Amino acid sequence: MKDKNLPPTLQMGMRSSVNVSSEVLGALLETPALHALLDSFSDALIVTDGEGRVRFLNLAAERVNRVSRQQASGLSDSEFYQRSALNYDDFQAALNRGGNSALTRSREGRVLLSSTHAIPTGAYEKPFRMLTQKDFDGSQPQRRASLGNRPVEPQGLRDPQDNALHLSPQLSSIADTGVRAFRRRARLLLLGEPGVGKTAIARHIHRAAGWGDRPFIHVNCGSIPESLFESEMFGYERGAFTGALQGGKQGYIEAASGGTLFLDEIGEIPLHVQAKLLKFLEDSTIQSVGSPLSKTVQVQVIAATNKDLRHLVSIGEFRADLYYRLAVLPVEIPPLRQHRDDLPFLIDILLSRINGDREPSLSLSAGCRKRLMGYDYPGNIRELVNIFERLAVLADDEAQEHHLPAELLEPVRPQERVKPAVADEEDAEQNLKLQVQHFERQIILRAVHLCGSKRKAAVHLGIDIGTLIRKLQRD
């Protein structure tokens, strides 16, 4: 077996004739000293046990896959591939053919060579495996030549909702529901305030459903001028109007052919275009502006909005028939203030991502953490990430309260929703129900955290996975 893709230190260890038992190797993977050693490697390293469960990944692997070590631990390799920001389709196909390496790609265009190697264990034991990932030598040659051995691009926190999606049990469970519906070709309508993670969930659903190699066309309906909306969405032919390109132009729908069309801010679509979009949703045909001919385009549609579409329907600003075509499965994504139990997870993962390429490492003072935990985040996850980017710039090694934005330093107001007393039996019953739901949610979140996956947590708690997901999705 050739180990040329492994770090030199590990090559030496794997060429050793001494095999260790899986129990000893598992214990070794829990030691801080080995963690520190593997975290020092620039290549991404992921170790799975004989049952195909993730036992360890180093900091480089956390960065390129955008999955934290804490969340990855205990996941099956297939579950890890679904959660990862990389597309593992080619790699899995190579494994099925008996190979051990293939290219994996991020949606930003970064290309890595992923290779798997057996780690010998005791006799009659299934071997552990190590997956290594390194920048592909043939990708972006000019940049690599100029940057030497430095990373091709900084990871940073550029996709905050995606980071949160991999970490937050509630957002993850919502995304899993969307994946199941997507595979059944049901249309999804994602509902929620700005910044809650609608775009990240749509991308995750597309990728986790196995469509990572197909187009994902993100259309922000609110950013297209009303006069250009029809031509941008459906395309146009040569000479269709003054200023049209000589060769015409392909529309967003046709560009998404065979993949996913994500219609963000769907409530902003002009009324005069809604009828044409409805026809496409009914028969999968489009007609470019200036063309007498129709063409068939097969796409999967996900829509999203922060508006109340039912209200828009009631006042005549949105077609009722279009709403029902889009909202086969409405999915409500809660604001961050409604799943505050996820805040400690979010804070820790954002801090670890900052420290992945920062010297000195950043920590939070007790006062700073308390302020972060007590804030309502009207801008949701996007606002939380912006705050951490600010802390990374202003603080040296420990972020203090004065490094926070002014709005976080205002006196903490008492909770307005707390009543002075229970007014009647109905209020008492409702109050008890909410407390029980909150207690159940705390237990489930703790089980997911300890077990490493929702499925294992459901087994641990003695409930089925569907029940667990429903309980997590409740407000």
Protein backbone atom coordinates (compact mmCIF):
# COMPACT_ATOMS: atom_id res chain seq x y z
CA MET A 1 0.00 0.00 0.00
CA LYS A 2 1.30 3.41 -0.98
CA ASP A 3 0.99 6.10 1.67
CA LYS A 4 2.53 9.02 -0.19
CA ASN A 5 -0.54 11.20 0.48
CA LEU A 6 -0.17 10.88 4.26
CA PRO A 7 1.92 13.18 6.46
CA PRO A 8 5.44 11.72 6.92
CA THR A 9 4.97 11.02 10.64
CA LEU A 10 1.86 8.94 9.98
CA GLN A 11 3.47 7.17 7.04
CA MET A 12 6.15 5.87 9.39
CA GLY A 13 3.57 4.71 11.91
CA MET A 14 1.44 2.92 9.34
CA ARG A 15 4.45 1.13 7.81
CA SER A 16 5.24 -0.27 11.22
CA SER A 17 4.81 -4.05 11.56
CA VAL A 18 3.21 -3.59 14.99
CA ASN A 19 -0.58 -3.62 14.98
CA VAL A 20 -2.58 -2.29 17.89
CA SER A 21 -6.05 -3.42 18.93
CA SER A 22 -9.02 -1.27 18.02
CA GLU A 23 -9.63 -0.65 21.74
CA VAL A 24 -6.12 0.71 22.24
CA LEU A 25 -6.29 2.78 19.06
CA GLY A 26 -9.66 4.20 20.10
CA ALA A 27 -8.25 5.20 23.49
CA LEU A 28 -5.22 6.75 21.81
CA LEU A 29 -7.50 8.92 19.67
CA GLU A 30 -8.92 10.43 22.87
CA THR A 31 -5.57 11.73 24.14
CA PRO A 32 -4.90 15.50 24.04
CA ALA A 33 -1.30 14.91 22.97
CA LEU A 34 -2.37 13.13 19.76
CA HIS A 35 -5.01 15.80 19.13
CA ALA A 36 -2.33 18.49 19.33
CA LEU A 37 -0.06 16.53 16.98
CA LEU A 38 -2.73 15.92 14.33
CA ASP A 39 -4.03 19.48 14.60
CA SER A 40 -0.58 20.72 13.59
CA PHE A 41 -0.86 19.10 10.12
CA SER A 42 -1.95 21.34 7.26
CA ASP A 43 -3.70 18.40 5.53
CA ALA A 44 -7.22 17.49 6.65
CA LEU A 45 -7.31 14.18 8.54
CA ILE A 46 -10.45 12.20 9.43
CA VAL A 47 -10.29 8.89 11.32
CA THR A 48 -13.15 6.34 11.31
CA ASP A 49 -13.36 3.11 13.29
CA GLY A 50 -14.07 -0.41 12.05
CA GLU A 51 -17.80 0.30 12.01
CA GLY A 52 -17.33 3.36 9.80
CA ARG A 53 -18.02 5.89 12.60
CA VAL A 54 -16.05 9.13 12.79
CA ARG A 55 -13.70 9.05 15.79
CA PHE A 56 -11.58 12.12 15.12
CA LEU A 57 -10.97 14.98 12.70
CA ASN A 58 -8.28 17.61 12.98
CA LEU A 59 -8.66 21.39 12.72
CA ALA A 60 -7.86 21.40 9.00
CA ALA A 61 -10.66 18.87 8.41
CA GLU A 62 -13.06 21.01 10.44
CA ARG A 63 -12.25 24.01 8.25
CA VAL A 64 -12.58 22.41 4.82
CA ASN A 65 -15.66 20.32 5.69
CA ARG A 66 -17.26 23.01 7.88
CA VAL A 67 -18.21 20.41 10.47
CA SER A 68 -17.00 20.69 14.05
CA ARG A 69 -15.16 17.83 15.77
CA GLN A 70 -17.85 17.77 18.42
CA GLN A 71 -20.65 17.34 15.88
CA ALA A 72 -18.79 14.83 13.68
CA SER A 73 -17.91 12.41 16.47
CA GLY A 74 -20.00 9.26 16.21
CA LEU A 75 -21.49 10.03 12.79
CA SER A 76 -21.42 7.30 10.17
CA ASP A 77 -19.27 8.15 7.18
CA SER A 78 -22.40 8.64 5.03
CA GLU A 79 -23.90 11.03 7.60
CA PHE A 80 -20.62 12.95 7.70
CA TYR A 81 -20.54 13.23 3.90
CA GLN A 82 -24.06 14.70 3.93
CA ARG A 83 -23.19 17.28 6.58
CA SER A 84 -19.94 18.29 4.92
CA ALA A 85 -19.61 21.41 2.76
CA LEU A 86 -17.70 19.27 0.23
CA ASN A 87 -19.24 17.15 -2.50
CA TYR A 88 -18.29 13.51 -1.87
CA ASP A 89 -20.25 11.93 -4.76
CA ASP A 90 -17.17 11.14 -6.87
CA PHE A 91 -15.30 9.87 -3.83
CA GLN A 92 -18.11 7.50 -2.85
CA ALA A 93 -18.37 6.28 -6.45
CA ALA A 94 -14.60 5.58 -6.43
CA LEU A 95 -14.96 3.54 -3.21
CA ASN A 96 -17.79 1.53 -4.75
CA ARG A 97 -15.50 0.73 -7.69
CA GLY A 98 -12.78 -0.47 -5.33
CA GLY A 99 -10.66 2.69 -5.52
CA ASN A 100 -9.36 4.72 -2.60
CA SER A 101 -9.13 8.33 -3.86
CA ALA A 102 -11.04 10.96 -5.82
CA LEU A 103 -11.46 14.71 -6.06
CA THR A 104 -13.84 16.52 -3.72
CA ARG A 105 -15.01 20.06 -4.35
CA SER A 106 -16.41 22.91 -2.33
CA ARG A 107 -19.06 25.18 -3.80
CA GLU A 108 -16.50 28.03 -3.80
CA GLY A 109 -14.48 26.05 -6.34
CA ARG A 110 -11.76 24.69 -4.05
CA VAL A 111 -10.61 21.24 -5.22
CA LEU A 112 -9.08 18.67 -2.87
CA LEU A 113 -7.72 15.18 -3.36
CA SER A 114 -9.37 12.86 -0.83
CA SER A 115 -7.70 9.50 -0.16
CA THR A 116 -8.53 6.78 2.34
CA HIS A 117 -6.03 4.42 3.96
CA ALA A 118 -6.44 1.46 6.31
CA ILE A 119 -4.87 1.68 9.78
CA PRO A 120 -3.97 -1.92 10.75
CA THR A 121 -5.56 -3.18 13.98
CA GLY A 122 -5.53 -6.49 15.79
CA ALA A 123 -6.21 -9.87 14.21
CA TYR A 124 -9.85 -10.48 13.19
CA GLU A 125 -10.70 -6.82 13.81
CA LYS A 126 -12.02 -4.45 11.19
CA PRO A 127 -9.35 -1.82 10.48
CA PHE A 128 -9.71 1.84 11.33
CA ARG A 129 -9.39 4.12 8.31
CA MET A 130 -7.87 7.55 7.79
CA LEU A 131 -9.22 9.93 5.18
CA THR A 132 -6.72 12.58 4.11
CA GLN A 133 -7.58 15.70 2.12
CA LYS A 134 -5.12 18.06 0.49
CA ASP A 135 -5.32 20.77 -2.14
CA PHE A 136 -5.21 19.18 -5.57
CA ASP A 137 -1.93 19.92 -7.35
CA GLY A 138 -3.64 20.69 -10.65
CA SER A 139 -6.07 23.27 -9.31
CA GLN A 140 -5.48 27.01 -9.64
CA PRO A 141 -1.79 26.65 -10.63
CA GLN A 142 -1.09 30.37 -10.82
CA ARG A 143 -2.36 31.09 -7.34
CA ARG A 144 -0.60 28.09 -5.88
CA ALA A 145 2.66 29.15 -7.48
CA SER A 146 2.41 32.60 -5.98
CA LEU A 147 1.28 31.45 -2.53
CA GLY A 148 3.73 28.61 -2.05
CA ASN A 149 2.60 26.30 0.73
CA ARG A 150 -0.01 28.65 2.14
CA PRO A 151 -3.71 27.72 1.85
CA VAL A 152 -5.41 28.46 -1.44
CA GLU A 153 -7.97 30.68 0.30
CA PRO A 154 -8.80 31.67 3.85
CA GLN A 155 -11.81 29.89 5.28
CA GLY A 156 -13.00 32.54 7.74
CA LEU A 157 -16.69 32.81 8.56
CA ARG A 158 -17.95 33.73 5.12
CA ASP A 159 -20.97 31.42 5.24
CA PRO A 160 -22.32 31.89 8.77
CA GLN A 161 -25.66 30.19 8.33
CA ASP A 162 -23.98 27.13 6.85
CA ASN A 163 -21.63 26.93 9.83
CA ALA A 164 -24.62 27.16 12.16
CA LEU A 165 -26.57 24.55 10.21
CA HIS A 166 -23.94 21.90 10.91
CA LEU A 167 -23.91 22.80 14.58
CA SER A 168 -27.47 23.62 15.58
CA PRO A 169 -29.60 20.54 16.37
CA GLN A 170 -32.82 22.40 15.57
CA LEU A 171 -31.69 23.78 12.19
CA SER A 172 -30.18 20.41 11.34
CA SER A 173 -33.45 18.61 12.08
CA ILE A 174 -35.38 21.11 9.94
CA ALA A 175 -32.93 20.54 7.09
CA ASP A 176 -33.30 16.76 7.42
CA THR A 177 -37.08 17.12 6.99
CA GLY A 178 -36.45 19.19 3.88
CA VAL A 179 -34.10 16.57 2.44
CA ARG A 180 -36.74 13.86 2.76
CA ALA A 181 -39.33 16.03 1.01
CA PHE A 182 -36.85 17.08 -1.69
CA ARG A 183 -36.08 13.45 -2.53
CA ARG A 184 -39.81 12.90 -3.04
CA ARG A 185 -39.83 15.89 -5.43
CA ALA A 186 -42.08 17.93 -3.12
CA ARG A 187 -41.73 21.70 -3.46
CA LEU A 188 -40.45 23.44 -0.35
CA LEU A 189 -41.31 26.92 0.88
CA LEU A 190 -38.82 28.12 3.52
CA LEU A 191 -40.28 30.75 5.83
CA GLY A 192 -38.44 32.90 8.33
CA GLU A 193 -36.90 36.23 9.22
CA PRO A 194 -33.80 37.57 7.42
CA GLY A 195 -30.61 35.93 8.62
CA VAL A 196 -32.13 32.71 10.01
CA GLY A 197 -30.35 30.48 7.47
CA LYS A 198 -32.84 29.95 4.62
CA THR A 199 -30.18 30.03 1.89
CA ALA A 200 -27.86 27.70 3.81
CA ILE A 201 -30.68 25.23 4.43
CA ALA A 202 -31.64 25.29 0.74
CA ARG A 203 -28.02 24.60 -0.28
CA HIS A 204 -27.72 21.85 2.33
CA ILE A 205 -30.93 20.18 1.10
CA HIS A 206 -29.67 20.27 -2.50
CA ARG A 207 -26.31 18.78 -1.53
CA ALA A 208 -27.54 16.26 1.06
CA ALA A 209 -30.12 14.88 -1.37
CA GLY A 210 -27.22 13.79 -3.60
CA TRP A 211 -27.51 16.64 -6.11
CA GLY A 212 -24.14 18.19 -5.35
CA ASP A 213 -22.91 17.78 -8.95
CA ARG A 214 -26.02 19.44 -10.42
CA PRO A 215 -26.68 23.18 -10.85
CA PHE A 216 -27.90 25.19 -7.88
CA ILE A 217 -29.19 28.54 -9.14
CA HIS A 218 -29.89 31.10 -6.41
CA VAL A 219 -32.25 33.85 -7.61
CA ASN A 220 -32.80 36.80 -5.29
CA CYS A 221 -36.18 37.92 -6.58
CA GLY A 222 -35.99 41.17 -4.63
CA SER A 223 -32.85 42.34 -6.42
CA ILE A 224 -34.18 42.12 -10.00
CA PRO A 225 -35.82 45.30 -11.41
CA GLU A 226 -39.50 44.70 -12.19
CA SER A 227 -39.05 45.70 -15.84
CA LEU A 228 -36.34 43.04 -16.33
CA PHE A 229 -37.85 40.25 -14.24
CA GLU A 230 -39.48 38.27 -17.06
CA SER A 231 -36.42 38.35 -19.33
CA GLU A 232 -34.05 37.46 -16.49
CA MET A 233 -36.18 34.56 -15.29
CA PHE A 234 -37.25 33.09 -18.65
CA GLY A 235 -34.52 34.39 -20.96
CA TYR A 236 -34.96 36.23 -24.24
CA GLU A 237 -34.26 35.82 -27.94
CA ARG A 238 -32.15 38.01 -30.22
CA GLY A 239 -33.85 41.33 -30.94
CA ALA A 240 -36.58 40.77 -28.32
CA PHE A 241 -36.26 44.37 -27.12
CA THR A 242 -34.01 47.41 -27.42
CA GLY A 243 -30.67 46.65 -25.77
CA ALA A 244 -31.02 42.86 -25.99
CA LEU A 245 -27.80 40.91 -26.53
CA GLN A 246 -27.18 39.84 -30.11
CA GLY A 247 -27.26 36.16 -29.24
CA GLY A 248 -30.12 36.37 -26.77
CA LYS A 249 -29.76 35.22 -23.16
CA GLN A 250 -30.55 32.11 -21.16
CA GLY A 251 -32.84 32.70 -18.17
CA TYR A 252 -32.37 31.53 -14.59
CA ILE A 253 -34.88 28.69 -14.99
CA GLU A 254 -33.09 27.18 -17.98
CA ALA A 255 -29.71 27.64 -16.27
CA ALA A 256 -30.99 25.42 -13.44
CA SER A 257 -32.03 22.62 -15.82
CA GLY A 258 -31.50 19.25 -14.17
CA GLY A 259 -30.77 20.86 -10.80
CA THR A 260 -32.31 23.16 -8.21
CA LEU A 261 -33.86 26.59 -8.70
CA PHE A 262 -33.84 28.49 -5.41
CA LEU A 263 -36.28 31.42 -5.56
CA ASP A 264 -35.27 33.60 -2.63
CA GLU A 265 -37.63 36.39 -1.51
CA ILE A 266 -40.41 34.89 -3.64
CA GLY A 267 -42.86 37.47 -2.28
CA GLU A 268 -41.14 40.14 -4.39
CA ILE A 269 -42.14 38.61 -7.76
CA PRO A 270 -44.21 41.12 -9.79
CA LEU A 271 -47.86 40.16 -10.31
CA HIS A 272 -47.60 40.23 -14.11
CA VAL A 273 -44.88 37.54 -14.02
CA GLN A 274 -46.60 35.30 -11.47
CA ALA A 275 -48.97 33.81 -14.08
CA LYS A 276 -46.05 32.79 -16.29
CA LEU A 277 -44.19 31.26 -13.33
CA LEU A 278 -47.35 29.35 -12.37
CA LYS A 279 -47.56 27.85 -15.85
CA PHE A 280 -43.96 26.68 -15.59
CA LEU A 281 -44.67 25.02 -12.23
CA GLU A 282 -47.71 23.27 -13.72
CA ASP A 283 -46.24 21.88 -16.95
CA SER A 284 -42.44 22.47 -16.72
CA THR A 285 -42.42 24.54 -19.92
CA ILE A 286 -41.02 28.03 -20.47
CA GLN A 287 -41.24 30.51 -23.32
CA SER A 288 -38.40 32.98 -23.75
CA VAL A 289 -39.27 36.62 -24.35
CA GLY A 290 -39.53 37.14 -28.11
CA SER A 291 -39.83 33.44 -28.94
CA PRO A 292 -42.99 31.71 -30.29
CA LEU A 293 -41.74 28.33 -29.11
CA SER A 294 -41.91 26.63 -25.72
CA LYS A 295 -39.28 24.34 -24.22
CA THR A 296 -39.41 21.83 -21.38
CA VAL A 297 -37.10 22.37 -18.41
CA GLN A 298 -36.93 19.93 -15.49
CA VAL A 299 -35.86 21.55 -12.23
CA GLN A 300 -36.54 21.12 -8.52
CA VAL A 301 -37.90 24.34 -7.00
CA ILE A 302 -37.25 25.63 -3.48
CA ALA A 303 -38.74 29.02 -2.56
CA ALA A 304 -38.08 31.23 0.45
CA THR A 305 -39.50 34.43 1.90
CA ASN A 306 -39.62 36.52 5.05
CA LYS A 307 -43.06 37.83 4.15
CA ASP A 308 -46.50 36.54 5.10
CA LEU A 309 -47.60 35.15 1.74
CA ARG A 310 -51.08 34.32 3.02
CA HIS A 311 -51.58 37.99 3.85
CA LEU A 312 -50.27 39.00 0.42
CA VAL A 313 -52.80 36.60 -1.12
CA SER A 314 -55.62 38.12 0.95
CA ILE A 315 -54.84 41.64 -0.29
CA GLY A 316 -54.37 40.59 -3.91
CA GLU A 317 -50.58 41.05 -4.16
CA PHE A 318 -49.78 37.36 -4.58
CA ARG A 319 -51.70 34.76 -6.56
CA ALA A 320 -53.39 32.11 -4.43
CA ASP A 321 -52.87 29.38 -7.04
CA LEU A 322 -49.13 30.18 -7.19
CA TYR A 323 -48.90 30.09 -3.40
CA TYR A 324 -50.39 26.59 -3.25
CA ARG A 325 -48.10 25.40 -6.03
CA LEU A 326 -45.05 26.61 -4.12
CA ALA A 327 -46.10 25.70 -0.60
CA VAL A 328 -46.45 21.92 -0.92
CA LEU A 329 -44.39 21.74 2.28
CA PRO A 330 -44.02 25.05 4.15
CA VAL A 331 -41.02 24.90 6.49
CA GLU A 332 -40.86 27.47 9.28
CA ILE A 333 -37.29 28.36 10.31
CA PRO A 334 -37.35 29.91 13.78
CA PRO A 335 -35.43 33.06 14.67
CA LEU A 336 -32.39 32.59 16.86
CA ARG A 337 -34.18 33.98 19.92
CA GLN A 338 -36.58 31.02 19.75
CA HIS A 339 -33.84 28.39 19.89
CA ARG A 340 -31.51 30.06 22.36
CA ASP A 341 -30.45 26.64 23.64
CA ASP A 342 -28.27 26.47 20.52
CA LEU A 343 -26.39 29.66 21.44
CA PRO A 344 -23.59 27.95 23.43
CA PHE A 345 -22.96 25.62 20.47
CA LEU A 346 -22.95 28.50 18.00
CA ILE A 347 -20.65 30.67 20.12
CA ASP A 348 -18.13 27.84 20.62
CA ILE A 349 -18.00 26.83 16.95
CA LEU A 350 -17.61 30.41 15.72
CA LEU A 351 -14.85 30.94 18.25
CA SER A 352 -13.08 27.77 17.14
CA ARG A 353 -13.33 28.80 13.48
CA ILE A 354 -11.78 32.17 14.25
CA ASN A 355 -8.96 30.46 16.12
CA GLY A 356 -8.31 28.04 13.28
CA ASP A 357 -6.07 30.61 11.53
CA ARG A 358 -5.53 33.25 14.22
CA GLU A 359 -2.55 34.04 16.43
CA PRO A 360 -2.92 34.56 19.31
CA SER A 361 -6.07 32.55 19.96
CA LEU A 362 -9.14 34.49 20.98
CA SER A 363 -11.09 33.75 24.16
CA LEU A 364 -14.15 35.39 25.71
CA SER A 365 -14.24 37.01 29.12
CA ALA A 366 -17.05 35.93 31.44
CA GLY A 367 -18.75 39.29 31.03
CA CYS A 368 -18.52 39.17 27.25
CA ARG A 369 -19.99 35.67 27.09
CA LYS A 370 -22.81 36.70 29.44
CA ARG A 371 -23.69 39.64 27.17
CA LEU A 372 -23.68 37.36 24.12
CA MET A 373 -25.94 34.86 25.87
CA GLY A 374 -28.41 37.55 27.00
CA TYR A 375 -28.95 39.28 23.63
CA ASP A 376 -32.00 38.61 21.40
CA TYR A 377 -30.21 38.91 17.99
CA PRO A 378 -32.84 40.62 15.82
CA GLY A 379 -30.48 39.98 12.87
CA ASN A 380 -30.35 36.28 13.81
CA ILE A 381 -27.34 34.10 12.96
CA ARG A 382 -25.98 36.62 10.46
CA GLU A 383 -25.79 39.23 13.23
CA LEU A 384 -24.08 36.77 15.60
CA VAL A 385 -21.37 36.07 13.03
CA ASN A 386 -20.85 39.78 12.35
CA ILE A 387 -20.30 40.28 16.08
CA PHE A 388 -17.61 37.59 16.12
CA GLU A 389 -15.90 39.08 13.09
CA ARG A 390 -15.83 42.37 14.99
CA LEU A 391 -14.34 40.70 18.08
CA ALA A 392 -11.65 39.04 15.97
CA VAL A 393 -10.54 42.49 14.74
CA LEU A 394 -10.81 44.55 17.93
CA ALA A 395 -9.67 42.10 20.61
CA ASP A 396 -6.16 40.77 21.14
CA ASP A 397 -6.30 37.52 23.08
CA GLU A 398 -9.47 38.01 25.18
CA ALA A 399 -12.66 39.72 24.04
CA GLN A 400 -14.09 42.05 26.68
CA GLU A 401 -17.51 43.66 26.99
CA HIS A 402 -16.28 46.97 25.57
CA HIS A 403 -15.37 45.19 22.31
CA LEU A 404 -19.05 44.37 21.71
CA PRO A 405 -21.41 46.58 19.65
CA ALA A 406 -23.30 49.26 21.59
CA GLU A 407 -26.64 47.47 21.32
CA LEU A 408 -25.30 44.55 23.38
CA LEU A 409 -24.19 46.88 26.17
CA GLU A 410 -27.64 48.28 26.91
CA PRO A 411 -29.11 47.29 30.30
CA VAL A 412 -30.81 43.91 30.12
CA ARG A 413 -34.57 44.49 30.17
CA PRO A 414 -36.85 42.15 32.14
CA GLN A 415 -38.65 39.61 30.02
CA GLU A 416 -41.94 41.18 28.96
CA ARG A 417 -43.58 37.84 28.36
CA VAL A 418 -43.32 36.77 32.03
CA LYS A 419 -46.69 37.16 33.75
CA PRO A 420 -46.93 38.19 37.43
CA ALA A 421 -49.29 35.33 38.17
CA VAL A 422 -51.21 32.56 36.45
CA ALA A 423 -54.60 34.02 35.68
CA ASP A 424 -56.71 30.92 35.27
CA GLU A 425 -56.63 27.16 34.77
CA GLU A 426 -56.14 27.47 31.01
CA ASP A 427 -53.04 29.64 31.50
CA ALA A 428 -51.72 27.22 34.11
CA GLU A 429 -52.19 24.26 31.76
CA GLN A 430 -50.47 26.13 28.91
CA ASN A 431 -47.61 27.21 31.18
CA LEU A 432 -47.07 23.60 32.33
CA LYS A 433 -47.16 22.37 28.73
CA LEU A 434 -44.48 24.89 27.68
CA GLN A 435 -42.28 23.93 30.62
CA VAL A 436 -42.57 20.22 29.78
CA GLN A 437 -41.72 20.92 26.12
CA HIS A 438 -38.72 23.00 27.16
CA PHE A 439 -37.52 20.26 29.51
CA GLU A 440 -37.92 17.61 26.79
CA ARG A 441 -35.99 19.77 24.34
CA GLN A 442 -33.13 20.23 26.81
CA ILE A 443 -32.87 16.44 27.32
CA ILE A 444 -32.95 15.76 23.55
CA LEU A 445 -30.31 18.41 22.78
CA ARG A 446 -28.06 16.99 25.47
CA ALA A 447 -28.53 13.46 24.07
CA VAL A 448 -27.77 14.62 20.50
CA HIS A 449 -24.65 16.38 21.77
CA LEU A 450 -23.43 13.32 23.72
CA CYS A 451 -24.37 10.67 21.13
CA GLY A 452 -23.16 12.58 18.08
CA SER A 453 -26.27 12.13 15.92
CA LYS A 454 -30.03 12.41 16.18
CA ARG A 455 -30.56 8.77 15.24
CA LYS A 456 -28.26 7.52 18.01
CA ALA A 457 -29.87 9.95 20.44
CA ALA A 458 -33.32 8.57 19.58
CA VAL A 459 -32.12 5.03 20.33
CA HIS A 460 -30.53 6.23 23.57
CA LEU A 461 -33.79 7.93 24.67
CA GLY A 462 -36.01 5.04 23.60
CA ILE A 463 -38.04 7.00 21.02
CA ASP A 464 -38.22 6.82 17.22
CA ILE A 465 -36.32 9.32 15.08
CA GLY A 466 -39.50 10.96 13.76
CA THR A 467 -40.70 11.75 17.28
CA LEU A 468 -37.31 13.19 18.19
CA ILE A 469 -37.28 15.48 15.14
CA ARG A 470 -40.85 16.69 15.80
CA LYS A 471 -40.01 17.55 19.40
CA LEU A 472 -36.93 19.49 18.30
CA GLN A 473 -38.93 21.48 15.75
CA ARG A 474 -41.52 22.67 18.24
CA ASP A 475 -41.17 26.25 19.45
